[in-house]
């Protein structure tokens, strides 16, 4: 053994026997172990559902009511396969674009009486002819789920009818003139209780609601909140579903028609900026096994992700109007002119 090796060995023995060195060594090990535990605790869990404690917090958040004027015929409608060999077609937001609606119906060679067509909500508002779209949908025998704009139209129309207002002649008085002026001055809303989205007396959806005749009203009113297709293991909605709620009957109607994302606690939110995760990403990671077909999210464009199919491609904003055969997943699209700016 040379001198350097001998000196090194002696130094190591001295350090081993020195209580100060032993203390420092143990401290270093403790610090390293704590650091590892901290890193592990702060790593996100990629595919797990929100913790049970977070889901319990759902009951502690503010509770809202469903408007008494929503007048849902059915919240959940179950559609069984009728045995025919026609297509089952779904279509995204039309938003009053009647010419484009007709063009797409012609392009996909829709056969009334053989094919089934479900409009995924928001037939109305923003475009040039909401009333024309509703009446054309009736003529075609199309089924529908209710969109957030359709819901406002129905709530206003229901209020008018329950207060003696006449609809369908374009000359409805939704309250006496004195009452209306006073309500507008105060900025008050329809008397719906504690709802998510108050409708003010100045709301532009009044203009559509006042044009509905009885058949138009009944058609929009019967649009289900959720359409379930058990034999196809599929669900149709306007905006989305909360992946943490397994029962369709327990889904919050407001969020079924309005949601885009989930917040940090896994609760649905209307605006993407308030969310941490897109609801359909969560559905595909830990939600129920059904496929979901939806519209509403024009800013996201066509979204085919796992078990979720988003087909609002922003027709009224100058995008496309899109339909999908849910059995073959064949797409049908036409280009639209721009009628309004994206909000």
C-alpha atoms as a PDB file:
ATOM      1  CA  UNK A   1       0.000   0.000   0.000  1.00  0.00           C
ATOM      2  CA  UNK A   2       1.456   3.426  -0.901  1.00  0.00           C
ATOM      3  CA  UNK A   3       1.505   6.485   1.320  1.00  0.00           C
ATOM      4  CA  UNK A   4      -1.490   8.144  -0.340  1.00  0.00           C
ATOM      5  CA  UNK A   5      -3.702   5.068   0.074  1.00  0.00           C
ATOM      6  CA  UNK A   6      -2.636   4.702   3.708  1.00  0.00           C
ATOM      7  CA  UNK A   7      -3.464   8.351   4.443  1.00  0.00           C
ATOM      8  CA  UNK A   8      -6.864   8.015   2.747  1.00  0.00           C
ATOM      9  CA  UNK A   9      -7.777   4.932   4.772  1.00  0.00           C
ATOM     10  CA  UNK A  10      -6.786   6.588   8.036  1.00  0.00           C
ATOM     11  CA  UNK A  11      -8.887   9.662   7.159  1.00  0.00           C
ATOM     12  CA  UNK A  12     -11.930   7.484   6.413  1.00  0.00           C
ATOM     13  CA  UNK A  13     -11.546   5.644   9.756  1.00  0.00           C
ATOM     14  CA  UNK A  14     -11.261   8.945  11.596  1.00  0.00           C
ATOM     15  CA  UNK A  15     -14.425  10.252   9.930  1.00  0.00           C
ATOM     16  CA  UNK A  16     -16.249   7.007  10.675  1.00  0.00           C
ATOM     17  CA  UNK A  17     -15.347   7.204  14.370  1.00  0.00           C
ATOM     18  CA  UNK A  18     -15.971  10.963  14.648  1.00  0.00           C
ATOM     19  CA  UNK A  19     -19.511  11.575  16.077  1.00  0.00           C
ATOM     20  CA  UNK A  20     -19.771  14.888  14.198  1.00  0.00           C
ATOM     21  CA  UNK A  21     -19.167  13.197  10.851  1.00  0.00           C
ATOM     22  CA  UNK A  22     -21.687  10.468  11.722  1.00  0.00           C
ATOM     23  CA  UNK A  23     -24.289  13.103  12.612  1.00  0.00           C
ATOM     24  CA  UNK A  24     -23.722  14.982   9.354  1.00  0.00           C
ATOM     25  CA  UNK A  25     -24.092  11.796   7.355  1.00  0.00           C
ATOM     26  CA  UNK A  26     -27.385  10.896   8.967  1.00  0.00           C
ATOM     27  CA  UNK A  27     -28.685  14.441   8.413  1.00  0.00           C
ATOM     28  CA  UNK A  28     -27.815  14.245   4.714  1.00  0.00           C
ATOM     29  CA  UNK A  29     -29.697  10.972   4.366  1.00  0.00           C
ATOM     30  CA  UNK A  30     -32.748  12.445   6.117  1.00  0.00           C
ATOM     31  CA  UNK A  31     -32.756  15.513   3.848  1.00  0.00           C
ATOM     32  CA  UNK A  32     -32.533  13.351   0.723  1.00  0.00           C
ATOM     33  CA  UNK A  33     -35.392  11.120   1.886  1.00  0.00           C
ATOM     34  CA  UNK A  34     -37.605  14.134   2.657  1.00  0.00           C
ATOM     35  CA  UNK A  35     -36.891  15.567  -0.791  1.00  0.00           C
ATOM     36  CA  UNK A  36     -37.954  12.328  -2.497  1.00  0.00           C
ATOM     37  CA  UNK A  37     -41.189  12.180  -0.501  1.00  0.00           C
ATOM     38  CA  UNK A  38     -42.003  15.803  -1.379  1.00  0.00           C
ATOM     39  CA  UNK A  39     -41.506  15.246  -5.096  1.00  0.00           C
ATOM     40  CA  UNK A  40     -43.676  12.116  -5.049  1.00  0.00           C
ATOM     41  CA  UNK A  41     -46.441  13.901  -3.158  1.00  0.00           C
ATOM     42  CA  UNK A  42     -46.571  16.784  -5.616  1.00  0.00           C
ATOM     43  CA  UNK A  43     -46.583  14.735  -8.818  1.00  0.00           C
ATOM     44  CA  UNK A  44     -50.066  14.777 -10.508  1.00  0.00           C
ATOM     45  CA  UNK A  45     -51.970  11.547 -10.998  1.00  0.00           C
ATOM     46  CA  UNK A  46     -52.621  11.420 -14.729  1.00  0.00           C
ATOM     47  CA  UNK A  47     -55.707   9.276 -15.025  1.00  0.00           C
ATOM     48  CA  UNK A  48     -57.335   9.172 -11.609  1.00  0.00           C
ATOM     49  CA  UNK A  49     -60.740  10.650 -10.906  1.00  0.00           C
ATOM     50  CA  UNK A  50     -60.907  13.514  -8.378  1.00  0.00           C
ATOM     51  CA  UNK A  51     -60.424  12.330  -4.804  1.00  0.00           C
ATOM     52  CA  UNK A  52     -63.420  11.433  -2.673  1.00  0.00           C
ATOM     53  CA  UNK A  53     -62.869  14.503  -0.508  1.00  0.00           C
ATOM     54  CA  UNK A  54     -63.141  16.693  -3.583  1.00  0.00           C
ATOM     55  CA  UNK A  55     -66.378  15.026  -4.696  1.00  0.00           C
ATOM     56  CA  UNK A  56     -67.889  15.520  -1.259  1.00  0.00           C
ATOM     57  CA  UNK A  57     -67.148  19.224  -1.687  1.00  0.00           C
ATOM     58  CA  UNK A  58     -69.630  19.205  -4.584  1.00  0.00           C
ATOM     59  CA  UNK A  59     -72.462  19.246  -2.031  1.00  0.00           C
ATOM     60  CA  UNK A  60     -70.963  22.298  -0.366  1.00  0.00           C
ATOM     61  CA  UNK A  61     -70.950  24.539  -3.446  1.00  0.00           C
ATOM     62  CA  UNK A  62     -73.777  26.962  -4.162  1.00  0.00           C
ATOM     63  CA  UNK A  63     -77.032  25.282  -5.130  1.00  0.00           C
ATOM     64  CA  UNK A  64     -79.047  26.538  -8.113  1.00  0.00           C
ATOM     65  CA  UNK A  65     -82.561  25.809  -9.291  1.00  0.00           C
ATOM     66  CA  UNK A  66     -83.883  24.723 -12.681  1.00  0.00           C
ATOM     67  CA  UNK A  67     -86.141  27.425 -14.085  1.00  0.00           C
ATOM     68  CA  UNK A  68     -89.856  26.654 -13.662  1.00  0.00           C
ATOM     69  CA  UNK A  69     -90.228  27.885 -17.249  1.00  0.00           C
ATOM     70  CA  UNK A  70     -87.800  25.350 -18.742  1.00  0.00           C
ATOM     71  CA  UNK A  71     -90.770  22.987 -19.104  1.00  0.00           C
ATOM     72  CA  UNK A  72     -88.782  19.885 -20.005  1.00  0.00           C
ATOM     73  CA  UNK A  73     -91.043  17.198 -21.449  1.00  0.00           C
ATOM     74  CA  UNK A  74     -88.304  14.696 -20.595  1.00  0.00           C
ATOM     75  CA  UNK A  75     -84.835  15.275 -19.219  1.00  0.00           C
ATOM     76  CA  UNK A  76     -83.578  11.907 -20.420  1.00  0.00           C
ATOM     77  CA  UNK A  77     -85.084  10.274 -23.500  1.00  0.00           C
ATOM     78  CA  UNK A  78     -84.182   6.684 -24.340  1.00  0.00           C
ATOM     79  CA  UNK A  79     -84.153   5.747 -28.021  1.00  0.00           C
ATOM     80  CA  UNK A  80     -84.024   2.080 -28.976  1.00  0.00           C
ATOM     81  CA  UNK A  81     -82.987   0.733 -32.369  1.00  0.00           C
ATOM     82  CA  UNK A  82     -86.158   0.210 -34.396  1.00  0.00           C
ATOM     83  CA  UNK A  83     -84.705  -2.492 -36.589  1.00  0.00           C
ATOM     84  CA  UNK A  84     -84.503  -0.539 -39.838  1.00  0.00           C
ATOM     85  CA  UNK A  85     -81.316  -0.261 -41.864  1.00  0.00           C
ATOM     86  CA  UNK A  86     -81.316   3.532 -42.135  1.00  0.00           C
ATOM     87  CA  UNK A  87     -78.594   5.797 -40.816  1.00  0.00           C
ATOM     88  CA  UNK A  88     -78.529   7.473 -37.413  1.00  0.00           C
ATOM     89  CA  UNK A  89     -77.281  11.015 -38.083  1.00  0.00           C
ATOM     90  CA  UNK A  90     -76.399  13.784 -35.642  1.00  0.00           C
ATOM     91  CA  UNK A  91     -75.825  17.436 -36.596  1.00  0.00           C
ATOM     92  CA  UNK A  92     -74.030  20.277 -34.808  1.00  0.00           C
ATOM     93  CA  UNK A  93     -75.190  23.816 -33.991  1.00  0.00           C
ATOM     94  CA  UNK A  94     -77.271  25.332 -36.816  1.00  0.00           C
ATOM     95  CA  UNK A  95     -77.896  28.713 -35.118  1.00  0.00           C
ATOM     96  CA  UNK A  96     -80.540  29.968 -37.528  1.00  0.00           C
ATOM     97  CA  UNK A  97     -78.579  29.149 -40.703  1.00  0.00           C
ATOM     98  CA  UNK A  98     -81.515  27.802 -42.708  1.00  0.00           C
ATOM     99  CA  UNK A  99     -79.908  27.768 -46.167  1.00  0.00           C
ATOM    100  CA  UNK A 100     -76.896  25.862 -44.867  1.00  0.00           C
ATOM    101  CA  UNK A 101     -79.164  23.447 -42.980  1.00  0.00           C
ATOM    102  CA  UNK A 102     -81.006  22.634 -46.203  1.00  0.00           C
ATOM    103  CA  UNK A 103     -77.756  22.316 -48.125  1.00  0.00           C
ATOM    104  CA  UNK A 104     -76.303  19.791 -45.689  1.00  0.00           C
ATOM    105  CA  UNK A 105     -79.551  17.786 -45.569  1.00  0.00           C
ATOM    106  CA  UNK A 106     -79.403  17.544 -49.359  1.00  0.00           C
ATOM    107  CA  UNK A 107     -75.695  16.700 -49.417  1.00  0.00           C
ATOM    108  CA  UNK A 108     -76.085  13.752 -47.053  1.00  0.00           C
ATOM    109  CA  UNK A 109     -79.173  12.590 -48.992  1.00  0.00           C
ATOM    110  CA  UNK A 110     -81.287  12.331 -45.874  1.00  0.00           C
ATOM    111  CA  UNK A 111     -84.200   9.938 -46.334  1.00  0.00           C
ATOM    112  CA  UNK A 112     -87.077  10.877 -44.078  1.00  0.00           C
ATOM    113  CA  UNK A 113     -88.816   7.827 -42.678  1.00  0.00           C
ATOM    114  CA  UNK A 114     -85.707   5.690 -43.056  1.00  0.00           C
ATOM    115  CA  UNK A 115     -82.854   7.727 -41.601  1.00  0.00           C
ATOM    116  CA  UNK A 116     -82.947   9.249 -38.136  1.00  0.00           C
ATOM    117  CA  UNK A 117     -81.645  12.764 -37.644  1.00  0.00           C
ATOM    118  CA  UNK A 118     -80.919  14.313 -34.242  1.00  0.00           C
ATOM    119  CA  UNK A 119     -79.999  18.013 -34.007  1.00  0.00           C
ATOM    120  CA  UNK A 120     -77.578  18.481 -31.114  1.00  0.00           C
ATOM    121  CA  UNK A 121     -79.063  21.757 -29.901  1.00  0.00           C
ATOM    122  CA  UNK A 122     -78.866  25.481 -30.628  1.00  0.00           C
ATOM    123  CA  UNK A 123     -81.128  25.497 -33.620  1.00  0.00           C
ATOM    124  CA  UNK A 124     -81.800  29.143 -32.766  1.00  0.00           C
ATOM    125  CA  UNK A 125     -80.111  32.531 -32.291  1.00  0.00           C
ATOM    126  CA  UNK A 126     -77.194  34.357 -33.964  1.00  0.00           C
ATOM    127  CA  UNK A 127     -78.049  33.392 -37.565  1.00  0.00           C
ATOM    128  CA  UNK A 128     -80.569  34.946 -39.991  1.00  0.00           C
ATOM    129  CA  UNK A 129     -83.592  32.610 -39.642  1.00  0.00           C
ATOM    130  CA  UNK A 130     -84.103  30.827 -36.331  1.00  0.00           C
ATOM    131  CA  UNK A 131     -87.819  30.380 -36.900  1.00  0.00           C
ATOM    132  CA  UNK A 132     -87.178  28.922 -40.357  1.00  0.00           C
ATOM    133  CA  UNK A 133     -84.764  26.341 -38.914  1.00  0.00           C
ATOM    134  CA  UNK A 134     -87.287  25.242 -36.273  1.00  0.00           C
ATOM    135  CA  UNK A 135     -90.023  24.834 -38.886  1.00  0.00           C
ATOM    136  CA  UNK A 136     -87.728  23.002 -41.315  1.00  0.00           C
ATOM    137  CA  UNK A 137     -86.668  20.626 -38.536  1.00  0.00           C
ATOM    138  CA  UNK A 138     -90.330  19.905 -37.864  1.00  0.00           C
ATOM    139  CA  UNK A 139     -90.951  19.215 -41.552  1.00  0.00           C
ATOM    140  CA  UNK A 140     -88.016  16.787 -41.680  1.00  0.00           C
ATOM    141  CA  UNK A 141     -89.174  14.885 -38.604  1.00  0.00           C
ATOM    142  CA  UNK A 142     -85.813  15.603 -36.972  1.00  0.00           C
ATOM    143  CA  UNK A 143     -85.355  14.880 -33.277  1.00  0.00           C
ATOM    144  CA  UNK A 144     -83.363  17.236 -31.056  1.00  0.00           C
ATOM    145  CA  UNK A 145     -81.616  17.798 -27.758  1.00  0.00           C
ATOM    146  CA  UNK A 146     -81.924  21.199 -26.124  1.00  0.00           C
ATOM    147  CA  UNK A 147     -79.133  23.747 -26.462  1.00  0.00           C
ATOM    148  CA  UNK A 148     -78.419  26.670 -24.157  1.00  0.00           C
ATOM    149  CA  UNK A 149     -79.871  29.224 -26.601  1.00  0.00           C
ATOM    150  CA  UNK A 150     -82.937  27.087 -27.274  1.00  0.00           C
ATOM    151  CA  UNK A 151     -83.428  26.866 -23.506  1.00  0.00           C
ATOM    152  CA  UNK A 152     -83.562  30.649 -23.167  1.00  0.00           C
ATOM    153  CA  UNK A 153     -86.084  30.853 -26.006  1.00  0.00           C
ATOM    154  CA  UNK A 154     -88.280  28.200 -24.347  1.00  0.00           C
ATOM    155  CA  UNK A 155     -88.086  29.804 -20.917  1.00  0.00           C
ATOM    156  CA  UNK A 156     -89.149  33.177 -22.295  1.00  0.00           C
ATOM    157  CA  UNK A 157     -91.908  31.649 -24.420  1.00  0.00           C
ATOM    158  CA  UNK A 158     -93.160  29.645 -21.411  1.00  0.00           C
ATOM    159  CA  UNK A 159     -93.250  32.796 -19.305  1.00  0.00           C
ATOM    160  CA  UNK A 160     -95.171  34.671 -21.996  1.00  0.00           C
ATOM    161  CA  UNK A 161     -97.722  31.908 -22.312  1.00  0.00           C
ATOM    162  CA  UNK A 162     -98.188  31.610 -18.563  1.00  0.00           C
ATOM    163  CA  UNK A 163     -98.825  35.365 -18.342  1.00  0.00           C
ATOM    164  CA  UNK A 164    -101.275  35.694 -21.183  1.00  0.00           C
ATOM    165  CA  UNK A 165     -98.776  36.745 -23.836  1.00  0.00           C
ATOM    166  CA  UNK A 166     -99.649  35.805 -27.405  1.00  0.00           C
ATOM    167  CA  UNK A 167     -96.984  34.167 -29.535  1.00  0.00           C
ATOM    168  CA  UNK A 168     -96.554  33.657 -33.240  1.00  0.00           C
ATOM    169  CA  UNK A 169     -97.783  37.009 -34.525  1.00  0.00           C
ATOM    170  CA  UNK A 170     -94.648  39.068 -33.904  1.00  0.00           C
ATOM    171  CA  UNK A 171     -96.652  41.521 -31.785  1.00  0.00           C
ATOM    172  CA  UNK A 172     -96.379  39.965 -28.329  1.00  0.00           C
ATOM    173  CA  UNK A 173     -96.466  42.088 -25.231  1.00  0.00           C
ATOM    174  CA  UNK A 174     -94.474  40.136 -22.661  1.00  0.00           C
ATOM    175  CA  UNK A 175     -95.811  42.363 -19.904  1.00  0.00           C
ATOM    176  CA  UNK A 176     -97.838  45.521 -19.808  1.00  0.00           C
ATOM    177  CA  UNK A 177     -95.846  48.459 -21.168  1.00  0.00           C
ATOM    178  CA  UNK A 178     -95.591  50.094 -17.758  1.00  0.00           C
ATOM    179  CA  UNK A 179     -94.389  46.881 -16.139  1.00  0.00           C
ATOM    180  CA  UNK A 180     -91.869  46.268 -18.906  1.00  0.00           C
ATOM    181  CA  UNK A 181     -90.386  49.760 -18.738  1.00  0.00           C
ATOM    182  CA  UNK A 182     -90.082  49.567 -14.966  1.00  0.00           C
ATOM    183  CA  UNK A 183     -88.420  46.147 -15.079  1.00  0.00           C
ATOM    184  CA  UNK A 184     -85.941  47.324 -17.716  1.00  0.00           C
ATOM    185  CA  UNK A 185     -85.028  50.370 -15.662  1.00  0.00           C
ATOM    186  CA  UNK A 186     -84.313  48.207 -12.644  1.00  0.00           C
ATOM    187  CA  UNK A 187     -82.403  45.655 -14.696  1.00  0.00           C
ATOM    188  CA  UNK A 188     -84.488  42.840 -13.283  1.00  0.00           C
ATOM    189  CA  UNK A 189     -84.851  39.375 -14.724  1.00  0.00           C
ATOM    190  CA  UNK A 190     -87.686  36.920 -15.261  1.00  0.00           C
ATOM    191  CA  UNK A 191     -88.989  35.559 -11.926  1.00  0.00           C
ATOM    192  CA  UNK A 192     -87.329  32.142 -12.193  1.00  0.00           C
ATOM    193  CA  UNK A 193     -85.833  31.741  -8.737  1.00  0.00           C
ATOM    194  CA  UNK A 194     -82.145  31.166  -8.053  1.00  0.00           C
ATOM    195  CA  UNK A 195     -81.022  30.023 -11.514  1.00  0.00           C
ATOM    196  CA  UNK A 196     -77.529  29.933 -13.002  1.00  0.00           C
ATOM    197  CA  UNK A 197     -78.329  32.358 -15.834  1.00  0.00           C
ATOM    198  CA  UNK A 198     -80.893  35.091 -15.223  1.00  0.00           C
ATOM    199  CA  UNK A 199     -82.777  36.270 -18.311  1.00  0.00           C
ATOM    200  CA  UNK A 200     -83.104  40.048 -18.316  1.00  0.00           C
ATOM    201  CA  UNK A 201     -86.141  41.777 -19.774  1.00  0.00           C
ATOM    202  CA  UNK A 202     -83.910  43.224 -22.479  1.00  0.00           C
ATOM    203  CA  UNK A 203     -82.545  39.814 -23.553  1.00  0.00           C
ATOM    204  CA  UNK A 204     -82.471  39.446 -27.340  1.00  0.00           C
ATOM    205  CA  UNK A 205     -83.964  35.916 -27.182  1.00  0.00           C
ATOM    206  CA  UNK A 206     -87.348  37.602 -26.594  1.00  0.00           C
ATOM    207  CA  UNK A 207     -87.419  38.428 -30.302  1.00  0.00           C
ATOM    208  CA  UNK A 208     -87.301  34.729 -31.236  1.00  0.00           C
ATOM    209  CA  UNK A 209     -89.654  33.559 -28.481  1.00  0.00           C
ATOM    210  CA  UNK A 210     -92.306  36.043 -29.581  1.00  0.00           C
ATOM    211  CA  UNK A 211     -92.396  34.552 -33.087  1.00  0.00           C
ATOM    212  CA  UNK A 212     -93.054  30.932 -32.060  1.00  0.00           C
ATOM    213  CA  UNK A 213     -96.504  29.580 -32.837  1.00  0.00           C
ATOM    214  CA  UNK A 214     -97.912  26.666 -30.864  1.00  0.00           C
ATOM    215  CA  UNK A 215     -96.310  23.990 -33.075  1.00  0.00           C
ATOM    216  CA  UNK A 216     -92.897  25.727 -32.971  1.00  0.00           C
ATOM    217  CA  UNK A 217     -93.070  26.014 -29.194  1.00  0.00           C
ATOM    218  CA  UNK A 218     -94.093  22.398 -28.709  1.00  0.00           C
ATOM    219  CA  UNK A 219     -91.301  21.186 -30.984  1.00  0.00           C
ATOM    220  CA  UNK A 220     -88.551  23.086 -29.137  1.00  0.00           C
ATOM    221  CA  UNK A 221     -90.018  22.249 -25.747  1.00  0.00           C
ATOM    222  CA  UNK A 222     -89.901  18.498 -26.414  1.00  0.00           C
ATOM    223  CA  UNK A 223     -86.172  18.578 -27.226  1.00  0.00           C
ATOM    224  CA  UNK A 224     -84.732  16.334 -24.528  1.00  0.00           C
ATOM    225  CA  UNK A 225     -81.898  17.419 -22.269  1.00  0.00           C
ATOM    226  CA  UNK A 226     -80.130  14.081 -22.795  1.00  0.00           C
ATOM    227  CA  UNK A 227     -80.784  11.353 -25.365  1.00  0.00           C
ATOM    228  CA  UNK A 228     -79.650   7.862 -24.422  1.00  0.00           C
ATOM    229  CA  UNK A 229     -79.089   5.138 -27.041  1.00  0.00           C
ATOM    230  CA  UNK A 230     -78.523   1.958 -24.967  1.00  0.00           C
ATOM    231  CA  UNK A 231     -78.193  -0.402 -27.930  1.00  0.00           C
ATOM    232  CA  UNK A 232     -75.458   1.818 -29.382  1.00  0.00           C
ATOM    233  CA  UNK A 233     -73.886   2.422 -25.938  1.00  0.00           C
ATOM    234  CA  UNK A 234     -74.068   6.147 -26.752  1.00  0.00           C
ATOM    235  CA  UNK A 235     -75.359   9.418 -25.299  1.00  0.00           C
ATOM    236  CA  UNK A 236     -76.327  12.608 -27.155  1.00  0.00           C
ATOM    237  CA  UNK A 237     -76.149  16.036 -25.455  1.00  0.00           C
ATOM    238  CA  UNK A 238     -75.612  19.644 -26.418  1.00  0.00           C
ATOM    239  CA  UNK A 239     -72.532  20.659 -24.403  1.00  0.00           C
ATOM    240  CA  UNK A 240     -71.251  17.853 -22.200  1.00  0.00           C
ATOM    241  CA  UNK A 241     -71.600  15.541 -19.216  1.00  0.00           C
ATOM    242  CA  UNK A 242     -70.023  15.516 -15.766  1.00  0.00           C
ATOM    243  CA  UNK A 243     -67.822  12.362 -15.764  1.00  0.00           C
ATOM    244  CA  UNK A 244     -68.075  12.117 -11.980  1.00  0.00           C
ATOM    245  CA  UNK A 245     -71.867  11.633 -12.050  1.00  0.00           C
ATOM    246  CA  UNK A 246     -72.850   8.203 -13.314  1.00  0.00           C
ATOM    247  CA  UNK A 247     -76.641   8.655 -13.378  1.00  0.00           C
ATOM    248  CA  UNK A 248     -77.928  10.679 -16.334  1.00  0.00           C
ATOM    249  CA  UNK A 249     -80.955  11.748 -14.280  1.00  0.00           C
ATOM    250  CA  UNK A 250     -78.648  13.453 -11.776  1.00  0.00           C
ATOM    251  CA  UNK A 251     -76.740  15.560 -14.300  1.00  0.00           C
ATOM    252  CA  UNK A 252     -77.201  19.317 -13.789  1.00  0.00           C
ATOM    253  CA  UNK A 253     -79.276  20.606 -16.755  1.00  0.00           C
ATOM    254  CA  UNK A 254     -77.419  23.911 -16.856  1.00  0.00           C
ATOM    255  CA  UNK A 255     -74.038  22.266 -17.323  1.00  0.00           C
ATOM    256  CA  UNK A 256     -75.341  19.659 -19.792  1.00  0.00           C
ATOM    257  CA  UNK A 257     -76.237  22.663 -21.983  1.00  0.00           C
ATOM    258  CA  UNK A 258     -73.318  24.973 -21.111  1.00  0.00           C
ATOM    259  CA  UNK A 259     -70.198  23.199 -19.808  1.00  0.00           C
ATOM    260  CA  UNK A 260     -66.797  23.182 -21.494  1.00  0.00           C
ATOM    261  CA  UNK A 261     -64.327  22.213 -18.777  1.00  0.00           C
ATOM    262  CA  UNK A 262     -63.836  20.949 -15.226  1.00  0.00           C
ATOM    263  CA  UNK A 263     -62.225  23.043 -12.509  1.00  0.00           C
ATOM    264  CA  UNK A 264     -59.408  21.864 -10.217  1.00  0.00           C
ATOM    265  CA  UNK A 265     -61.921  20.053  -7.995  1.00  0.00           C
ATOM    266  CA  UNK A 266     -63.584  18.258 -10.914  1.00  0.00           C
ATOM    267  CA  UNK A 267     -66.673  20.485 -11.016  1.00  0.00           C
ATOM    268  CA  UNK A 268     -68.120  21.565 -14.401  1.00  0.00           C
ATOM    269  CA  UNK A 269     -67.579  25.170 -15.504  1.00  0.00           C
ATOM    270  CA  UNK A 270     -69.022  27.129 -18.410  1.00  0.00           C
ATOM    271  CA  UNK A 271     -65.889  28.971 -19.559  1.00  0.00           C
ATOM    272  CA  UNK A 272     -62.642  27.307 -20.635  1.00  0.00           C
ATOM    273  CA  UNK A 273     -60.610  29.951 -18.799  1.00  0.00           C
ATOM    274  CA  UNK A 274     -62.111  28.780 -15.481  1.00  0.00           C
ATOM    275  CA  UNK A 275     -61.268  25.133 -16.082  1.00  0.00           C
ATOM    276  CA  UNK A 276     -58.206  22.958 -15.594  1.00  0.00           C
ATOM    277  CA  UNK A 277     -59.242  20.063 -17.833  1.00  0.00           C
ATOM    278  CA  UNK A 278     -61.601  19.697 -20.782  1.00  0.00           C
ATOM    279  CA  UNK A 279     -64.619  17.625 -19.744  1.00  0.00           C
ATOM    280  CA  UNK A 280     -64.234  15.221 -22.677  1.00  0.00           C
ATOM    281  CA  UNK A 281     -60.599  14.531 -21.793  1.00  0.00           C
ATOM    282  CA  UNK A 282     -61.764  13.611 -18.287  1.00  0.00           C
ATOM    283  CA  UNK A 283     -64.575  11.476 -19.720  1.00  0.00           C
ATOM    284  CA  UNK A 284     -62.089   9.547 -21.838  1.00  0.00           C
ATOM    285  CA  UNK A 285     -59.710   9.042 -18.895  1.00  0.00           C
ATOM    286  CA  UNK A 286     -62.014   8.035 -16.065  1.00  0.00           C
ATOM    287  CA  UNK A 287     -65.650   8.577 -17.086  1.00  0.00           C
ATOM    288  CA  UNK A 288     -68.312   5.965 -17.914  1.00  0.00           C
ATOM    289  CA  UNK A 289     -67.806   3.727 -20.925  1.00  0.00           C
ATOM    290  CA  UNK A 290     -70.499   5.204 -23.196  1.00  0.00           C
ATOM    291  CA  UNK A 291     -69.641   7.221 -26.266  1.00  0.00           C
ATOM    292  CA  UNK A 292     -70.809  10.851 -26.123  1.00  0.00           C
ATOM    293  CA  UNK A 293     -71.810  12.959 -29.144  1.00  0.00           C
ATOM    294  CA  UNK A 294     -72.037  16.693 -28.497  1.00  0.00           C
ATOM    295  CA  UNK A 295     -71.867  20.175 -30.084  1.00  0.00           C
ATOM    296  CA  UNK A 296     -71.632  23.640 -28.447  1.00  0.00           C
ATOM    297  CA  UNK A 297     -67.834  24.088 -28.496  1.00  0.00           C
ATOM    298  CA  UNK A 298     -67.318  25.923 -31.804  1.00  0.00           C
ATOM    299  CA  UNK A 299     -63.985  27.388 -30.711  1.00  0.00           C
ATOM    300  CA  UNK A 300     -62.567  23.865 -30.318  1.00  0.00           C
ATOM    301  CA  UNK A 301     -63.631  22.793 -33.798  1.00  0.00           C
ATOM    302  CA  UNK A 302     -64.101  19.156 -34.754  1.00  0.00           C
ATOM    303  CA  UNK A 303     -63.095  16.991 -31.781  1.00  0.00           C
ATOM    304  CA  UNK A 304     -62.903  13.226 -32.305  1.00  0.00           C
ATOM    305  CA  UNK A 305     -61.249  11.945 -29.140  1.00  0.00           C
ATOM    306  CA  UNK A 306     -61.587   8.394 -27.883  1.00  0.00           C
ATOM    307  CA  UNK A 307     -65.220   7.953 -26.849  1.00  0.00           C
ATOM    308  CA  UNK A 308     -66.254  11.601 -27.391  1.00  0.00           C
ATOM    309  CA  UNK A 309     -67.288  13.268 -30.650  1.00  0.00           C
ATOM    310  CA  UNK A 310     -67.634  17.064 -30.812  1.00  0.00           C
ATOM    311  CA  UNK A 311     -69.187  18.303 -34.066  1.00  0.00           C
ATOM    312  CA  UNK A 312     -69.853  22.032 -33.630  1.00  0.00           C
ATOM    313  CA  UNK A 313     -67.623  23.497 -36.327  1.00  0.00           C
ATOM    314  CA  UNK A 314     -68.899  27.075 -36.142  1.00  0.00           C
ATOM    315  CA  UNK A 315     -71.188  27.428 -39.156  1.00  0.00           C
ATOM    316  CA  UNK A 316     -72.656  30.773 -38.074  1.00  0.00           C
ATOM    317  CA  UNK A 317     -69.108  32.167 -37.607  1.00  0.00           C
ATOM    318  CA  UNK A 318     -68.045  31.277 -41.149  1.00  0.00           C
ATOM    319  CA  UNK A 319     -66.936  27.739 -40.362  1.00  0.00           C
ATOM    320  CA  UNK A 320     -68.691  24.557 -41.406  1.00  0.00           C
ATOM    321  CA  UNK A 321     -71.947  22.811 -40.609  1.00  0.00           C
ATOM    322  CA  UNK A 322     -71.202  19.207 -39.709  1.00  0.00           C
ATOM    323  CA  UNK A 323     -73.219  15.990 -39.458  1.00  0.00           C
ATOM    324  CA  UNK A 324     -72.015  12.534 -38.470  1.00  0.00           C
ATOM    325  CA  UNK A 325     -73.319   9.009 -38.978  1.00  0.00           C
ATOM    326  CA  UNK A 326     -72.814   7.560 -35.494  1.00  0.00           C
ATOM    327  CA  UNK A 327     -72.695   3.967 -36.732  1.00  0.00           C
ATOM    328  CA  UNK A 328     -70.026   4.415 -39.423  1.00  0.00           C
ATOM    329  CA  UNK A 329     -68.582   7.771 -38.227  1.00  0.00           C
ATOM    330  CA  UNK A 330     -68.802   9.111 -41.748  1.00  0.00           C
ATOM    331  CA  UNK A 331     -68.682  12.931 -41.748  1.00  0.00           C
ATOM    332  CA  UNK A 332     -70.792  15.260 -43.884  1.00  0.00           C
ATOM    333  CA  UNK A 333     -69.826  18.953 -44.027  1.00  0.00           C
ATOM    334  CA  UNK A 334     -70.616  22.111 -45.958  1.00  0.00           C
ATOM    335  CA  UNK A 335     -68.925  25.524 -45.822  1.00  0.00           C
ATOM    336  CA  UNK A 336     -70.908  28.441 -44.367  1.00  0.00           C
ATOM    337  CA  UNK A 337     -70.709  32.213 -44.864  1.00  0.00           C
ATOM    338  CA  UNK A 338     -70.008  34.300 -41.768  1.00  0.00           C
ATOM    339  CA  UNK A 339     -73.112  35.805 -40.182  1.00  0.00           C
ATOM    340  CA  UNK A 340     -71.639  37.032 -36.894  1.00  0.00           C
ATOM    341  CA  UNK A 341     -68.407  37.350 -34.924  1.00  0.00           C
ATOM    342  CA  UNK A 342     -67.453  34.623 -32.498  1.00  0.00           C
ATOM    343  CA  UNK A 343     -68.304  35.667 -28.939  1.00  0.00           C
END
